[in-house]
Amino acid sequence: MSRGPDVTTLLERRLLLAGQAGGHGITIDGIESTPWASATFNGARHRVRLAGRATAELEAWLQALPEAELPLRGHLVADLALLSSETDGDRLCAEIEVLTVEER
């Protein structure tokens, strides 16, 4: 019996859907995930590199991303931070950090 996709895959899919819903054709250029735990929660910390066509709208979407709802089956997005964003020609590259915790 399959348990379904892991949290890293769920996060990647949700970010792509959120970008698409905002009208931004973003790509995920890489995700690095490491397990994370506190005294009461288990989860993972994810560093995500994404890119898209450099527009003011994409930059605004990235700035608003920390407040966005990103539902993930069996997990909660506990924190999301925009670490960096830079334009290289007509391409905007950004790095975000996301903390997910398992729902109980």
N, C-alpha and C. Protein backbone atom coordinates (compact mmCIF):
# COMPACT_ATOMS: atom_id res chain seq x y z
N MET A 1 0.85 -1.18 0.00
CA MET A 1 0.00 0.00 0.00
C MET A 1 0.89 1.25 0.00
N SER A 2 0.62 2.15 -0.90
CA SER A 2 1.42 3.36 -1.06
C SER A 2 1.00 4.41 -0.05
N ARG A 3 1.98 5.11 0.50
CA ARG A 3 1.70 6.19 1.45
C ARG A 3 1.55 7.53 0.75
N GLY A 4 1.83 7.58 -0.52
CA GLY A 4 1.73 8.83 -1.26
C GLY A 4 3.04 9.57 -1.26
N PRO A 5 3.05 10.74 -1.88
CA PRO A 5 4.30 11.51 -2.02
C PRO A 5 4.79 12.05 -0.67
N ASP A 6 6.11 12.22 -0.58
CA ASP A 6 6.69 12.77 0.64
C ASP A 6 6.46 14.28 0.70
N VAL A 7 6.79 14.87 1.83
CA VAL A 7 6.50 16.30 2.04
C VAL A 7 7.28 17.18 1.07
N THR A 8 8.48 16.78 0.68
CA THR A 8 9.26 17.58 -0.27
C THR A 8 8.54 17.65 -1.62
N THR A 9 8.03 16.51 -2.07
CA THR A 9 7.29 16.47 -3.33
C THR A 9 6.00 17.28 -3.22
N LEU A 10 5.29 17.15 -2.09
CA LEU A 10 4.06 17.92 -1.89
C LEU A 10 4.34 19.42 -1.92
N LEU A 11 5.44 19.85 -1.29
CA LEU A 11 5.80 21.26 -1.27
C LEU A 11 6.13 21.76 -2.67
N GLU A 12 6.91 20.98 -3.41
CA GLU A 12 7.25 21.37 -4.77
C GLU A 12 6.00 21.54 -5.62
N ARG A 13 5.09 20.58 -5.55
CA ARG A 13 3.84 20.66 -6.32
C ARG A 13 3.02 21.88 -5.91
N ARG A 14 2.92 22.15 -4.62
CA ARG A 14 2.11 23.27 -4.13
C ARG A 14 2.71 24.60 -4.57
N LEU A 15 4.01 24.74 -4.54
CA LEU A 15 4.64 25.98 -5.00
C LEU A 15 4.41 26.20 -6.49
N LEU A 16 4.53 25.14 -7.27
CA LEU A 16 4.27 25.26 -8.71
C LEU A 16 2.83 25.64 -8.98
N LEU A 17 1.89 25.04 -8.24
CA LEU A 17 0.47 25.39 -8.41
C LEU A 17 0.20 26.83 -8.00
N ALA A 18 0.81 27.27 -6.90
CA ALA A 18 0.62 28.64 -6.43
C ALA A 18 1.18 29.63 -7.45
N GLY A 19 2.32 29.32 -8.01
CA GLY A 19 2.89 30.19 -9.05
C GLY A 19 2.01 30.24 -10.28
N GLN A 20 1.50 29.08 -10.68
CA GLN A 20 0.62 29.00 -11.85
C GLN A 20 -0.67 29.78 -11.59
N ALA A 21 -1.23 29.64 -10.40
CA ALA A 21 -2.47 30.35 -10.06
C ALA A 21 -2.26 31.86 -10.10
N GLY A 22 -1.04 32.31 -9.78
CA GLY A 22 -0.73 33.73 -9.82
C GLY A 22 -0.34 34.21 -11.20
N GLY A 23 -0.33 33.30 -12.17
CA GLY A 23 0.02 33.68 -13.53
C GLY A 23 1.52 33.71 -13.80
N HIS A 24 2.29 33.03 -12.95
CA HIS A 24 3.74 33.03 -13.08
C HIS A 24 4.21 31.62 -13.45
N GLY A 25 4.92 31.50 -14.52
CA GLY A 25 5.45 30.21 -14.94
C GLY A 25 6.76 29.92 -14.25
N ILE A 26 6.71 29.66 -12.96
CA ILE A 26 7.94 29.42 -12.22
C ILE A 26 8.42 27.99 -12.44
N THR A 27 9.70 27.80 -12.22
CA THR A 27 10.30 26.47 -12.21
C THR A 27 11.01 26.29 -10.88
N ILE A 28 11.08 25.05 -10.43
CA ILE A 28 11.84 24.73 -9.23
C ILE A 28 13.20 24.23 -9.71
N ASP A 29 14.25 24.96 -9.36
CA ASP A 29 15.59 24.60 -9.80
C ASP A 29 16.30 23.68 -8.81
N GLY A 30 15.71 23.48 -7.64
CA GLY A 30 16.29 22.57 -6.67
C GLY A 30 15.63 22.70 -5.31
N ILE A 31 15.57 21.58 -4.60
CA ILE A 31 15.08 21.58 -3.22
C ILE A 31 16.02 20.70 -2.40
N GLU A 32 16.44 21.21 -1.26
CA GLU A 32 17.22 20.44 -0.31
C GLU A 32 16.40 20.38 0.98
N SER A 33 16.14 19.18 1.47
CA SER A 33 15.34 19.00 2.68
C SER A 33 16.14 18.28 3.74
N THR A 34 16.00 18.75 4.97
CA THR A 34 16.64 18.09 6.10
C THR A 34 15.61 17.89 7.20
N PRO A 35 15.66 16.75 7.89
CA PRO A 35 14.73 16.52 8.99
C PRO A 35 14.89 17.59 10.07
N TRP A 36 13.80 17.87 10.74
CA TRP A 36 13.79 18.88 11.80
C TRP A 36 12.87 18.38 12.89
N ALA A 37 13.19 18.66 14.13
CA ALA A 37 12.32 18.27 15.25
C ALA A 37 12.51 19.25 16.40
N SER A 38 11.42 19.42 17.14
CA SER A 38 11.48 20.18 18.39
C SER A 38 10.99 19.22 19.48
N ALA A 39 10.79 19.73 20.66
CA ALA A 39 10.31 18.87 21.74
C ALA A 39 8.91 18.33 21.46
N THR A 40 8.13 19.05 20.64
CA THR A 40 6.74 18.65 20.41
C THR A 40 6.38 18.36 18.95
N PHE A 41 7.25 18.70 18.01
CA PHE A 41 6.91 18.55 16.60
C PHE A 41 8.02 17.85 15.82
N ASN A 42 7.62 17.16 14.77
CA ASN A 42 8.55 16.60 13.79
C ASN A 42 8.25 17.23 12.45
N GLY A 43 9.27 17.43 11.66
CA GLY A 43 9.04 18.03 10.36
C GLY A 43 10.32 18.06 9.55
N ALA A 44 10.39 19.05 8.68
CA ALA A 44 11.57 19.19 7.82
C ALA A 44 11.77 20.66 7.48
N ARG A 45 13.02 20.99 7.24
CA ARG A 45 13.39 22.33 6.79
C ARG A 45 13.81 22.18 5.32
N HIS A 46 13.22 23.01 4.46
CA HIS A 46 13.45 22.91 3.02
C HIS A 46 14.04 24.22 2.50
N ARG A 47 15.07 24.10 1.69
CA ARG A 47 15.63 25.25 0.98
C ARG A 47 15.30 25.05 -0.49
N VAL A 48 14.54 26.00 -1.05
CA VAL A 48 14.01 25.87 -2.41
C VAL A 48 14.57 26.98 -3.28
N ARG A 49 15.09 26.58 -4.44
CA ARG A 49 15.54 27.54 -5.44
C ARG A 49 14.51 27.52 -6.57
N LEU A 50 13.97 28.68 -6.87
CA LEU A 50 12.99 28.76 -7.95
C LEU A 50 13.31 29.93 -8.85
N ALA A 51 12.72 29.88 -10.04
CA ALA A 51 13.02 30.92 -11.03
C ALA A 51 11.81 31.13 -11.92
N GLY A 52 11.80 32.27 -12.56
CA GLY A 52 10.74 32.61 -13.50
C GLY A 52 11.14 33.84 -14.29
N ARG A 53 10.27 34.22 -15.20
CA ARG A 53 10.51 35.43 -16.00
C ARG A 53 10.48 36.65 -15.09
N ALA A 54 11.49 37.47 -15.17
CA ALA A 54 11.59 38.64 -14.28
C ALA A 54 10.52 39.66 -14.61
N THR A 55 9.56 39.78 -13.70
CA THR A 55 8.51 40.79 -13.82
C THR A 55 8.26 41.39 -12.44
N ALA A 56 7.69 42.55 -12.41
CA ALA A 56 7.32 43.17 -11.13
C ALA A 56 6.27 42.31 -10.42
N GLU A 57 5.39 41.66 -11.20
CA GLU A 57 4.36 40.82 -10.61
C GLU A 57 4.95 39.60 -9.91
N LEU A 58 5.96 38.98 -10.52
CA LEU A 58 6.61 37.83 -9.88
C LEU A 58 7.33 38.27 -8.62
N GLU A 59 7.99 39.41 -8.67
CA GLU A 59 8.67 39.92 -7.47
C GLU A 59 7.65 40.17 -6.35
N ALA A 60 6.51 40.75 -6.68
CA ALA A 60 5.46 40.99 -5.67
C ALA A 60 4.92 39.67 -5.12
N TRP A 61 4.75 38.66 -5.99
CA TRP A 61 4.28 37.35 -5.55
C TRP A 61 5.27 36.74 -4.56
N LEU A 62 6.56 36.84 -4.87
CA LEU A 62 7.58 36.31 -3.97
C LEU A 62 7.57 37.03 -2.62
N GLN A 63 7.40 38.35 -2.65
CA GLN A 63 7.35 39.12 -1.40
C GLN A 63 6.15 38.72 -0.54
N ALA A 64 5.04 38.35 -1.19
CA ALA A 64 3.82 37.96 -0.47
C ALA A 64 3.81 36.48 -0.07
N LEU A 65 4.71 35.69 -0.62
CA LEU A 65 4.71 34.25 -0.39
C LEU A 65 4.78 33.85 1.09
N PRO A 66 5.53 34.55 1.95
CA PRO A 66 5.56 34.16 3.36
C PRO A 66 4.19 34.18 4.05
N GLU A 67 3.25 34.94 3.52
CA GLU A 67 1.91 35.02 4.12
C GLU A 67 0.89 34.14 3.40
N ALA A 68 1.31 33.47 2.34
CA ALA A 68 0.38 32.67 1.52
C ALA A 68 -0.01 31.38 2.23
N GLU A 69 -1.22 30.92 1.94
CA GLU A 69 -1.68 29.62 2.40
C GLU A 69 -1.15 28.56 1.44
N LEU A 70 -0.40 27.60 1.96
CA LEU A 70 0.14 26.52 1.14
C LEU A 70 -0.23 25.19 1.80
N PRO A 71 -1.45 24.72 1.58
CA PRO A 71 -1.87 23.47 2.23
C PRO A 71 -1.11 22.27 1.68
N LEU A 72 -0.66 21.41 2.59
CA LEU A 72 0.04 20.19 2.25
C LEU A 72 -0.61 19.04 3.02
N ARG A 73 -0.99 18.00 2.34
CA ARG A 73 -1.66 16.87 3.00
C ARG A 73 -0.75 16.27 4.08
N GLY A 74 -1.26 16.29 5.32
CA GLY A 74 -0.54 15.70 6.44
C GLY A 74 0.53 16.57 7.06
N HIS A 75 0.69 17.79 6.55
CA HIS A 75 1.73 18.68 7.04
C HIS A 75 1.21 20.12 7.06
N LEU A 76 1.86 20.93 7.87
CA LEU A 76 1.57 22.37 7.93
C LEU A 76 2.83 23.14 7.57
N VAL A 77 2.67 24.24 6.86
CA VAL A 77 3.79 25.16 6.63
C VAL A 77 3.85 26.06 7.86
N ALA A 78 4.84 25.83 8.69
CA ALA A 78 4.97 26.58 9.94
C ALA A 78 5.67 27.92 9.74
N ASP A 79 6.56 27.97 8.75
CA ASP A 79 7.30 29.21 8.49
C ASP A 79 7.80 29.18 7.05
N LEU A 80 7.81 30.33 6.43
CA LEU A 80 8.35 30.47 5.08
C LEU A 80 9.03 31.83 5.00
N ALA A 81 10.26 31.83 4.54
CA ALA A 81 11.02 33.08 4.43
C ALA A 81 11.66 33.18 3.06
N LEU A 82 11.61 34.37 2.48
CA LEU A 82 12.31 34.67 1.24
C LEU A 82 13.74 35.04 1.62
N LEU A 83 14.69 34.19 1.24
CA LEU A 83 16.09 34.42 1.60
C LEU A 83 16.79 35.35 0.63
N SER A 84 16.51 35.19 -0.66
CA SER A 84 17.16 36.04 -1.65
C SER A 84 16.35 36.04 -2.94
N SER A 85 16.56 37.08 -3.70
CA SER A 85 15.94 37.20 -5.02
C SER A 85 16.81 38.12 -5.84
N GLU A 86 17.15 37.67 -7.05
CA GLU A 86 17.98 38.50 -7.91
C GLU A 86 17.59 38.29 -9.37
N THR A 87 17.79 39.32 -10.14
CA THR A 87 17.47 39.27 -11.56
C THR A 87 18.74 39.08 -12.35
N ASP A 88 18.68 38.14 -13.29
CA ASP A 88 19.79 37.87 -14.20
C ASP A 88 19.23 37.95 -15.61
N GLY A 89 19.36 39.12 -16.23
CA GLY A 89 18.75 39.34 -17.53
C GLY A 89 17.24 39.36 -17.39
N ASP A 90 16.56 38.48 -18.12
CA ASP A 90 15.09 38.44 -18.03
C ASP A 90 14.62 37.34 -17.09
N ARG A 91 15.53 36.79 -16.28
CA ARG A 91 15.19 35.68 -15.37
C ARG A 91 15.36 36.14 -13.93
N LEU A 92 14.36 35.86 -13.11
CA LEU A 92 14.42 36.15 -11.69
C LEU A 92 14.65 34.84 -10.96
N CYS A 93 15.68 34.79 -10.14
CA CYS A 93 16.01 33.61 -9.35
C CYS A 93 15.83 33.96 -7.88
N ALA A 94 15.23 33.03 -7.15
CA ALA A 94 14.98 33.29 -5.73
C ALA A 94 15.26 32.03 -4.93
N GLU A 95 15.52 32.24 -3.65
CA GLU A 95 15.69 31.13 -2.73
C GLU A 95 14.79 31.38 -1.53
N ILE A 96 14.03 30.35 -1.15
CA ILE A 96 13.16 30.46 0.01
C ILE A 96 13.51 29.31 0.98
N GLU A 97 13.17 29.53 2.23
CA GLU A 97 13.31 28.47 3.23
C GLU A 97 11.93 28.22 3.82
N VAL A 98 11.57 26.95 3.91
CA VAL A 98 10.25 26.57 4.39
C VAL A 98 10.41 25.54 5.51
N LEU A 99 9.72 25.76 6.61
CA LEU A 99 9.67 24.79 7.70
C LEU A 99 8.30 24.13 7.66
N THR A 100 8.28 22.81 7.50
CA THR A 100 7.01 22.07 7.54
C THR A 100 7.02 21.19 8.77
N VAL A 101 5.83 21.02 9.35
CA VAL A 101 5.69 20.12 10.51
C VAL A 101 4.55 19.14 10.21
N GLU A 102 4.69 17.94 10.75
CA GLU A 102 3.67 16.92 10.56
C GLU A 102 2.43 17.27 11.37
N GLU A 103 1.27 17.11 10.75
CA GLU A 103 0.00 17.31 11.47
C GLU A 103 -0.22 16.14 12.38
N ARG A 104 -0.81 16.41 13.52
CA ARG A 104 -1.12 15.33 14.46
C ARG A 104 -2.60 15.23 14.65
